[in-house]
Structure formats: C-alpha cells, structure tokens
N, C-alpha and C. Protein backbone atom coordinates (compact mmCIF):
# COMPACT_ATOMS: atom_id res chain seq x y z
N ALA A 1 97.55 98.56 141.76
CA ALA A 1 97.45 98.02 140.40
C ALA A 1 96.51 98.88 139.56
N ALA A 2 95.53 99.53 140.18
CA ALA A 2 94.55 100.33 139.44
C ALA A 2 94.74 101.82 139.69
N LEU A 3 95.96 102.21 139.90
CA LEU A 3 96.31 103.63 140.01
C LEU A 3 95.57 104.35 141.14
N GLY A 4 95.28 103.63 142.22
CA GLY A 4 94.67 104.23 143.40
C GLY A 4 93.23 104.65 143.25
N GLN A 5 92.52 104.11 142.32
CA GLN A 5 91.13 104.53 142.10
C GLN A 5 90.24 104.06 143.25
N SER A 6 89.50 104.99 143.81
CA SER A 6 88.71 104.72 145.01
C SER A 6 87.61 103.67 144.83
N PRO A 7 86.93 103.57 143.67
CA PRO A 7 85.89 102.53 143.56
C PRO A 7 86.45 101.12 143.78
N ILE A 8 87.66 100.90 143.36
CA ILE A 8 88.25 99.57 143.53
C ILE A 8 88.57 99.29 144.99
N ARG A 9 89.05 100.31 145.68
CA ARG A 9 89.37 100.14 147.11
C ARG A 9 88.12 99.95 147.95
N SER A 10 87.04 100.64 147.61
CA SER A 10 85.86 100.64 148.48
C SER A 10 84.81 99.58 148.14
N ALA A 11 84.86 99.00 146.96
CA ALA A 11 83.85 98.01 146.56
C ALA A 11 84.05 96.69 147.30
N PRO A 12 82.95 96.04 147.68
CA PRO A 12 83.07 94.73 148.32
C PRO A 12 83.56 93.64 147.37
N VAL A 13 83.36 93.86 146.06
CA VAL A 13 83.85 92.88 145.08
C VAL A 13 84.35 93.61 143.83
N ASP A 14 85.48 93.13 143.33
CA ASP A 14 86.04 93.63 142.08
C ASP A 14 86.13 92.45 141.12
N ILE A 15 85.43 92.55 140.02
CA ILE A 15 85.44 91.48 139.02
C ILE A 15 86.43 91.89 137.93
N VAL A 16 87.32 90.98 137.60
CA VAL A 16 88.36 91.27 136.61
C VAL A 16 88.11 90.39 135.38
N PHE A 17 87.95 91.03 134.24
CA PHE A 17 87.83 90.33 132.97
C PHE A 17 89.23 90.20 132.38
N THR A 18 89.59 89.00 131.99
CA THR A 18 90.89 88.78 131.37
C THR A 18 90.70 87.99 130.07
N ALA A 19 91.74 87.98 129.26
CA ALA A 19 91.72 87.23 128.01
C ALA A 19 93.03 86.51 127.81
N VAL A 20 92.96 85.37 127.17
CA VAL A 20 94.14 84.67 126.69
C VAL A 20 94.04 84.71 125.17
N TYR A 21 94.71 85.68 124.59
CA TYR A 21 94.57 85.95 123.16
C TYR A 21 94.95 84.75 122.29
N ASP A 22 95.94 83.98 122.71
CA ASP A 22 96.37 82.84 121.90
C ASP A 22 95.24 81.87 121.63
N ARG A 23 94.35 81.71 122.58
CA ARG A 23 93.23 80.77 122.41
C ARG A 23 92.30 81.20 121.29
N VAL A 24 91.98 82.48 121.25
CA VAL A 24 91.00 82.95 120.26
C VAL A 24 91.66 83.24 118.91
N THR A 25 92.91 83.67 118.90
CA THR A 25 93.56 83.95 117.62
C THR A 25 93.93 82.68 116.88
N GLN A 26 94.04 81.56 117.58
CA GLN A 26 94.28 80.29 116.89
C GLN A 26 93.13 79.97 115.95
N LYS A 27 91.93 80.31 116.38
CA LYS A 27 90.74 80.01 115.57
C LYS A 27 90.40 81.14 114.60
N TYR A 28 90.52 82.41 115.05
CA TYR A 28 90.03 83.54 114.26
C TYR A 28 91.13 84.44 113.71
N GLY A 29 92.37 84.10 113.92
CA GLY A 29 93.47 84.95 113.46
C GLY A 29 93.48 86.28 114.19
N ASP A 30 93.99 87.31 113.53
CA ASP A 30 94.10 88.63 114.17
C ASP A 30 92.75 89.20 114.59
N ARG A 31 91.68 88.81 113.92
CA ARG A 31 90.35 89.31 114.29
C ARG A 31 89.93 88.81 115.66
N GLY A 32 90.57 87.77 116.14
CA GLY A 32 90.24 87.21 117.45
C GLY A 32 90.36 88.22 118.57
N LYS A 33 91.35 89.10 118.50
CA LYS A 33 91.49 90.12 119.54
C LYS A 33 90.29 91.06 119.54
N MET A 34 89.85 91.45 118.35
CA MET A 34 88.68 92.33 118.25
C MET A 34 87.45 91.61 118.83
N TYR A 35 87.27 90.35 118.49
CA TYR A 35 86.14 89.59 119.02
C TYR A 35 86.22 89.50 120.55
N THR A 36 87.41 89.30 121.06
CA THR A 36 87.60 89.21 122.51
C THR A 36 87.19 90.51 123.18
N HIS A 37 87.60 91.63 122.63
CA HIS A 37 87.25 92.93 123.22
C HIS A 37 85.75 93.18 123.14
N MET A 38 85.13 92.78 122.03
CA MET A 38 83.68 92.93 121.91
C MET A 38 82.96 92.10 122.97
N GLU A 39 83.38 90.85 123.13
CA GLU A 39 82.74 89.97 124.10
C GLU A 39 82.95 90.46 125.53
N ALA A 40 84.13 90.98 125.82
CA ALA A 40 84.39 91.53 127.16
C ALA A 40 83.46 92.71 127.42
N GLY A 41 83.25 93.55 126.42
CA GLY A 41 82.34 94.68 126.56
C GLY A 41 80.91 94.23 126.78
N HIS A 42 80.49 93.21 126.04
CA HIS A 42 79.14 92.68 126.21
C HIS A 42 78.96 92.08 127.61
N ALA A 43 79.94 91.32 128.04
CA ALA A 43 79.86 90.69 129.37
C ALA A 43 79.83 91.75 130.46
N ALA A 44 80.66 92.79 130.32
CA ALA A 44 80.69 93.86 131.32
C ALA A 44 79.35 94.60 131.34
N GLN A 45 78.79 94.85 130.17
CA GLN A 45 77.49 95.53 130.12
C GLN A 45 76.42 94.70 130.82
N ASN A 46 76.41 93.40 130.56
CA ASN A 46 75.42 92.53 131.21
C ASN A 46 75.60 92.52 132.72
N LEU A 47 76.84 92.50 133.17
CA LEU A 47 77.10 92.53 134.61
C LEU A 47 76.62 93.84 135.22
N LEU A 48 76.87 94.95 134.55
CA LEU A 48 76.42 96.24 135.06
C LEU A 48 74.89 96.36 135.05
N LEU A 49 74.24 95.80 134.04
CA LEU A 49 72.78 95.80 134.01
C LEU A 49 72.21 94.96 135.15
N GLN A 50 72.82 93.82 135.42
CA GLN A 50 72.36 92.99 136.53
C GLN A 50 72.60 93.68 137.86
N ALA A 51 73.73 94.34 138.01
CA ALA A 51 73.99 95.09 139.24
C ALA A 51 72.91 96.14 139.46
N GLU A 52 72.56 96.85 138.40
CA GLU A 52 71.51 97.87 138.49
C GLU A 52 70.17 97.23 138.89
N ALA A 53 69.85 96.09 138.31
CA ALA A 53 68.60 95.39 138.65
C ALA A 53 68.58 94.99 140.13
N LEU A 54 69.74 94.76 140.71
CA LEU A 54 69.85 94.41 142.13
C LEU A 54 70.04 95.64 143.01
N LYS A 55 69.88 96.81 142.41
CA LYS A 55 70.06 98.09 143.11
C LYS A 55 71.48 98.25 143.66
N LEU A 56 72.44 97.77 142.88
CA LEU A 56 73.85 97.93 143.19
C LEU A 56 74.47 98.87 142.16
N GLY A 57 75.64 99.32 142.46
CA GLY A 57 76.35 100.18 141.53
C GLY A 57 77.59 99.49 141.01
N GLY A 58 78.04 99.93 139.88
CA GLY A 58 79.27 99.40 139.30
C GLY A 58 79.84 100.39 138.32
N VAL A 59 81.13 100.29 138.11
CA VAL A 59 81.78 101.20 137.17
C VAL A 59 82.92 100.45 136.49
N PRO A 60 82.99 100.51 135.15
CA PRO A 60 84.10 99.86 134.47
C PRO A 60 85.38 100.67 134.64
N ILE A 61 86.43 99.98 134.98
CA ILE A 61 87.74 100.61 135.17
C ILE A 61 88.69 100.06 134.11
N GLY A 62 89.26 100.94 133.34
CA GLY A 62 90.21 100.52 132.31
C GLY A 62 91.61 101.02 132.57
N ALA A 63 91.76 101.91 133.55
CA ALA A 63 93.08 102.46 133.86
C ALA A 63 93.72 101.63 134.97
N PHE A 64 94.66 100.80 134.58
CA PHE A 64 95.38 99.96 135.54
C PHE A 64 96.68 99.50 134.90
N LYS A 65 97.53 98.94 135.71
CA LYS A 65 98.81 98.40 135.24
C LYS A 65 98.64 96.89 135.08
N PRO A 66 98.58 96.41 133.84
CA PRO A 66 98.29 94.99 133.61
C PRO A 66 99.22 94.04 134.36
N GLU A 67 100.49 94.35 134.39
CA GLU A 67 101.43 93.45 135.07
C GLU A 67 101.15 93.38 136.56
N GLU A 68 100.70 94.47 137.16
CA GLU A 68 100.37 94.46 138.59
C GLU A 68 99.05 93.74 138.85
N VAL A 69 98.09 93.89 137.94
CA VAL A 69 96.82 93.16 138.08
C VAL A 69 97.09 91.65 138.00
N ARG A 70 97.92 91.24 137.04
CA ARG A 70 98.28 89.81 136.94
C ARG A 70 98.91 89.31 138.23
N LYS A 71 99.75 90.13 138.83
CA LYS A 71 100.41 89.74 140.08
C LYS A 71 99.38 89.55 141.20
N VAL A 72 98.44 90.50 141.32
CA VAL A 72 97.39 90.40 142.34
C VAL A 72 96.56 89.14 142.14
N LEU A 73 96.28 88.81 140.88
CA LEU A 73 95.45 87.65 140.55
C LEU A 73 96.24 86.34 140.53
N ASN A 74 97.56 86.46 140.59
CA ASN A 74 98.43 85.30 140.43
C ASN A 74 98.17 84.64 139.07
N ALA A 75 97.99 85.48 138.06
CA ALA A 75 97.68 85.02 136.71
C ALA A 75 98.97 84.91 135.89
N PRO A 76 98.99 84.00 134.94
CA PRO A 76 100.18 83.87 134.08
C PRO A 76 100.32 85.06 133.14
N ALA A 77 101.51 85.24 132.59
CA ALA A 77 101.78 86.35 131.67
C ALA A 77 100.90 86.28 130.43
N SER A 78 100.42 85.10 130.07
CA SER A 78 99.58 84.95 128.88
C SER A 78 98.16 85.47 129.08
N GLU A 79 97.79 85.76 130.32
CA GLU A 79 96.44 86.24 130.62
C GLU A 79 96.45 87.76 130.69
N GLU A 80 95.70 88.38 129.80
CA GLU A 80 95.70 89.85 129.68
C GLU A 80 94.49 90.45 130.37
N PRO A 81 94.68 91.27 131.41
CA PRO A 81 93.56 91.96 132.04
C PRO A 81 92.94 92.97 131.08
N LEU A 82 91.61 92.98 131.00
CA LEU A 82 90.91 93.89 130.09
C LEU A 82 90.09 94.95 130.82
N TYR A 83 89.45 94.55 131.88
CA TYR A 83 88.50 95.41 132.61
C TYR A 83 88.54 95.02 134.07
N ILE A 84 88.32 95.99 134.92
CA ILE A 84 88.02 95.73 136.33
C ILE A 84 86.68 96.37 136.60
N LEU A 85 85.76 95.60 137.17
CA LEU A 85 84.44 96.11 137.49
C LEU A 85 84.19 96.01 138.99
N PRO A 86 84.36 97.11 139.73
CA PRO A 86 83.97 97.10 141.12
C PRO A 86 82.44 97.16 141.22
N ILE A 87 81.88 96.32 142.07
CA ILE A 87 80.44 96.26 142.26
C ILE A 87 80.15 96.39 143.75
N GLY A 88 79.15 97.20 144.09
CA GLY A 88 78.77 97.36 145.49
C GLY A 88 77.58 98.29 145.64
N LYS A 89 77.33 98.67 146.89
CA LYS A 89 76.22 99.58 147.17
C LYS A 89 76.49 100.92 146.52
N ARG A 90 75.40 101.55 146.06
CA ARG A 90 75.53 102.88 145.46
C ARG A 90 75.77 103.92 146.50
C-alpha cells in the first residue's frame, strides 16, 4: 500500500491519519479540506515531536495508494488516508 517503503515495513507501529471530508465541509464548505490538511500536519508534527522526546524516530510518509491503505485498515471509501507515520527505534 505504501509502495514498498522500508520505514513502514520495519517500524513496530504505523500510525495512519485519515479524514472524512464530508464531516468538515458540511460546516466549513470547501475550506474544510484545507483545515483538515492543516490539522493533520499539526497532529503529525506533535506526534513526531513526542517520538523525539521519547528517543524514538519517525518519518511522515505521503507516497501510498489510498485505496490500498483503506483496504488494509478496513476503512470505508469515505475515509481518505492523508499520512502514514511509522514510529520506532532510531
């Protein structure tokens, strides 16, 4: 699903950020997608900062096939994968 990237295969945990755009665009219109991407970036940054504080490593992965990620997660088509963050020992 992530194009064979080694950090995803070797990490003990892979955290996947997803969005359901319909939920946020109902309230904010088209700007909702932009807000969703901003919040995903903020959340990913906080996760990476916490990993560093715990002397762990992490790397944001954006190259993946969304439909395959949904299949791995057993997520509905309405849930859009945004980021995969493998976290583990450096």
